[in-house]
Amino acid sequence: MPLILITFIIVFLIVAYVTRRGTDTRACRWRKNASRDKGNLQYYRCAACGAEEYTDAKGPPQDCKSKVTSRPL
């Protein structure tokens, strides 16, 4: 019985490692640049991944935009 439990724990750790291996490890750190604001839209640039975003919400964007491929405003 203990051998089965230890095997199960090892398999679980391997699966957890493999599934997290491809995810981003650094969270976005948004920096506001007021000189590039356009009216009510506030300009933010991520210090970690380099993504750029205009938003009209209060505060920085909530999710990473580094994988989005669209034309800038």
C-alpha atoms as a PDB file:
ATOM      1  CA  MET A   1       0.000   0.000   0.000  1.00  0.00           C
ATOM      2  CA  PRO A   2       2.731   2.583   0.800  1.00  0.00           C
ATOM      3  CA  LEU A   3       4.438   1.783  -2.513  1.00  0.00           C
ATOM      4  CA  ILE A   4       1.255   2.590  -4.450  1.00  0.00           C
ATOM      5  CA  LEU A   5       0.840   5.875  -2.549  1.00  0.00           C
ATOM      6  CA  ILE A   6       4.444   6.925  -3.213  1.00  0.00           C
ATOM      7  CA  THR A   7       4.072   6.021  -6.899  1.00  0.00           C
ATOM      8  CA  PHE A   8       0.854   8.034  -7.124  1.00  0.00           C
ATOM      9  CA  ILE A   9       2.543  11.091  -5.562  1.00  0.00           C
ATOM     10  CA  ILE A  10       5.520  10.854  -7.938  1.00  0.00           C
ATOM     11  CA  VAL A  11       3.251  10.543 -10.995  1.00  0.00           C
ATOM     12  CA  PHE A  12       1.176  13.512  -9.785  1.00  0.00           C
ATOM     13  CA  LEU A  13       4.291  15.677  -9.383  1.00  0.00           C
ATOM     14  CA  ILE A  14       5.563  14.740 -12.849  1.00  0.00           C
ATOM     15  CA  VAL A  15       2.212  15.555 -14.462  1.00  0.00           C
ATOM     16  CA  ALA A  16       2.024  18.878 -12.580  1.00  0.00           C
ATOM     17  CA  TYR A  17       5.534  19.788 -13.722  1.00  0.00           C
ATOM     18  CA  VAL A  18       4.875  18.924 -17.370  1.00  0.00           C
ATOM     19  CA  THR A  19       1.609  20.881 -17.526  1.00  0.00           C
ATOM     20  CA  ARG A  20       3.139  24.022 -15.960  1.00  0.00           C
ATOM     21  CA  ARG A  21       6.320  23.891 -18.002  1.00  0.00           C
ATOM     22  CA  GLY A  22       4.861  25.753 -20.993  1.00  0.00           C
ATOM     23  CA  THR A  23       3.144  28.578 -19.104  1.00  0.00           C
ATOM     24  CA  ASP A  24       4.488  32.079 -18.688  1.00  0.00           C
ATOM     25  CA  THR A  25       6.503  32.422 -15.518  1.00  0.00           C
ATOM     26  CA  ARG A  26       6.647  36.210 -15.320  1.00  0.00           C
ATOM     27  CA  ALA A  27       3.466  38.145 -14.756  1.00  0.00           C
ATOM     28  CA  CYS A  28       2.979  41.393 -16.633  1.00  0.00           C
ATOM     29  CA  ARG A  29       4.089  44.576 -14.908  1.00  0.00           C
ATOM     30  CA  TRP A  30       2.189  47.446 -16.511  1.00  0.00           C
ATOM     31  CA  ARG A  31       3.725  50.952 -16.614  1.00  0.00           C
ATOM     32  CA  LYS A  32       1.645  54.030 -17.491  1.00  0.00           C
ATOM     33  CA  ASN A  33       2.998  56.562 -19.990  1.00  0.00           C
ATOM     34  CA  ALA A  34       0.765  59.646 -19.793  1.00  0.00           C
ATOM     35  CA  SER A  35       2.498  61.332 -22.732  1.00  0.00           C
ATOM     36  CA  ARG A  36       0.966  58.754 -25.112  1.00  0.00           C
ATOM     37  CA  ASP A  37      -2.615  58.979 -23.766  1.00  0.00           C
ATOM     38  CA  LYS A  38      -5.329  59.600 -26.373  1.00  0.00           C
ATOM     39  CA  GLY A  39      -8.312  61.398 -24.856  1.00  0.00           C
ATOM     40  CA  ASN A  40      -9.904  59.059 -22.311  1.00  0.00           C
ATOM     41  CA  LEU A  41      -7.660  56.160 -23.353  1.00  0.00           C
ATOM     42  CA  GLN A  42      -4.649  55.608 -21.109  1.00  0.00           C
ATOM     43  CA  TYR A  43      -1.492  54.045 -22.553  1.00  0.00           C
ATOM     44  CA  TYR A  44       0.235  51.195 -20.684  1.00  0.00           C
ATOM     45  CA  ARG A  45       3.338  49.200 -21.613  1.00  0.00           C
ATOM     46  CA  CYS A  46       4.391  45.951 -19.942  1.00  0.00           C
ATOM     47  CA  ALA A  47       7.892  46.001 -18.482  1.00  0.00           C
ATOM     48  CA  ALA A  48       8.147  42.186 -18.585  1.00  0.00           C
ATOM     49  CA  CYS A  49       6.933  41.234 -22.073  1.00  0.00           C
ATOM     50  CA  GLY A  50       6.790  44.554 -23.955  1.00  0.00           C
ATOM     51  CA  ALA A  51       3.063  44.414 -24.769  1.00  0.00           C
ATOM     52  CA  GLU A  52       1.302  47.753 -25.337  1.00  0.00           C
ATOM     53  CA  GLU A  53      -2.314  48.505 -24.446  1.00  0.00           C
ATOM     54  CA  TYR A  54      -4.734  51.422 -24.415  1.00  0.00           C
ATOM     55  CA  THR A  55      -7.496  51.183 -21.819  1.00  0.00           C
ATOM     56  CA  ASP A  56     -10.309  53.386 -20.557  1.00  0.00           C
ATOM     57  CA  ALA A  57     -10.684  51.493 -17.274  1.00  0.00           C
ATOM     58  CA  LYS A  58      -9.212  52.735 -14.025  1.00  0.00           C
ATOM     59  CA  GLY A  59      -5.823  51.156 -13.508  1.00  0.00           C
ATOM     60  CA  PRO A  60      -3.710  48.927 -15.730  1.00  0.00           C
ATOM     61  CA  PRO A  61      -5.006  46.025 -17.851  1.00  0.00           C
ATOM     62  CA  GLN A  62      -5.718  42.815 -15.942  1.00  0.00           C
ATOM     63  CA  ASP A  63      -4.311  40.241 -18.357  1.00  0.00           C
ATOM     64  CA  CYS A  64      -1.234  39.804 -20.500  1.00  0.00           C
ATOM     65  CA  LYS A  65      -1.444  40.971 -24.104  1.00  0.00           C
ATOM     66  CA  SER A  66       1.898  39.632 -25.313  1.00  0.00           C
ATOM     67  CA  LYS A  67       0.305  36.843 -27.384  1.00  0.00           C
ATOM     68  CA  VAL A  68      -2.256  39.136 -29.059  1.00  0.00           C
ATOM     69  CA  THR A  69      -1.361  40.089 -32.622  1.00  0.00           C
ATOM     70  CA  SER A  70      -3.324  43.136 -33.664  1.00  0.00           C
ATOM     71  CA  ARG A  71      -2.626  46.522 -35.161  1.00  0.00           C
ATOM     72  CA  PRO A  72      -1.950  49.378 -32.720  1.00  0.00           C
ATOM     73  CA  LEU A  73      -4.395  52.274 -32.448  1.00  0.00           C
END
